[in-house]
Amino acid sequence: MDLKKVVIILIVVLVVVGFGFLFIAFNRGDFLQTDTGVQEVSGNNNSVTASEEGLMFLRLIQSLGALTLDTKVFDNSVFQGLRDFSQPLRAEPVGRRNPFLPIGQIGTQTLEDQTVE
């Protein structure tokens, strides 16, 4: 290799090592912190912890219990005029008990081990 390639490779290696050193030096506190199990959630310019987010979700679910369904919709003539396009399901053949066993093996026995009377 000529001297120019060696110098370029050396400069690239030094730059990568320098960025790695700066990254570790400025983010040192982040690596030493222990995980408390509570995540920080940021959205809509609000910052709340995961436990607060969970409480907000539970309150929302609880408020859904107060909802009522207006059954007048089912008495509407347009709804009554809807047509059912569903088709009955055909009975399908049942497969093997354990589909992950090799072919020809039932449980711990093979088909050859079974005797037919």
Foldseek 3Di string as FASTA:
>chain_A
DDPVVVVVVVVVVVVVVVVVVVVCVVCVVVVPDDDPPWDWDDDPNDIDIVVVVVVVVVVVVVVVVPDDDDCVVCVDVVNVPDDDPDDDDDDDDDDAPDPPDDPQAHDPRGVVPDDDD
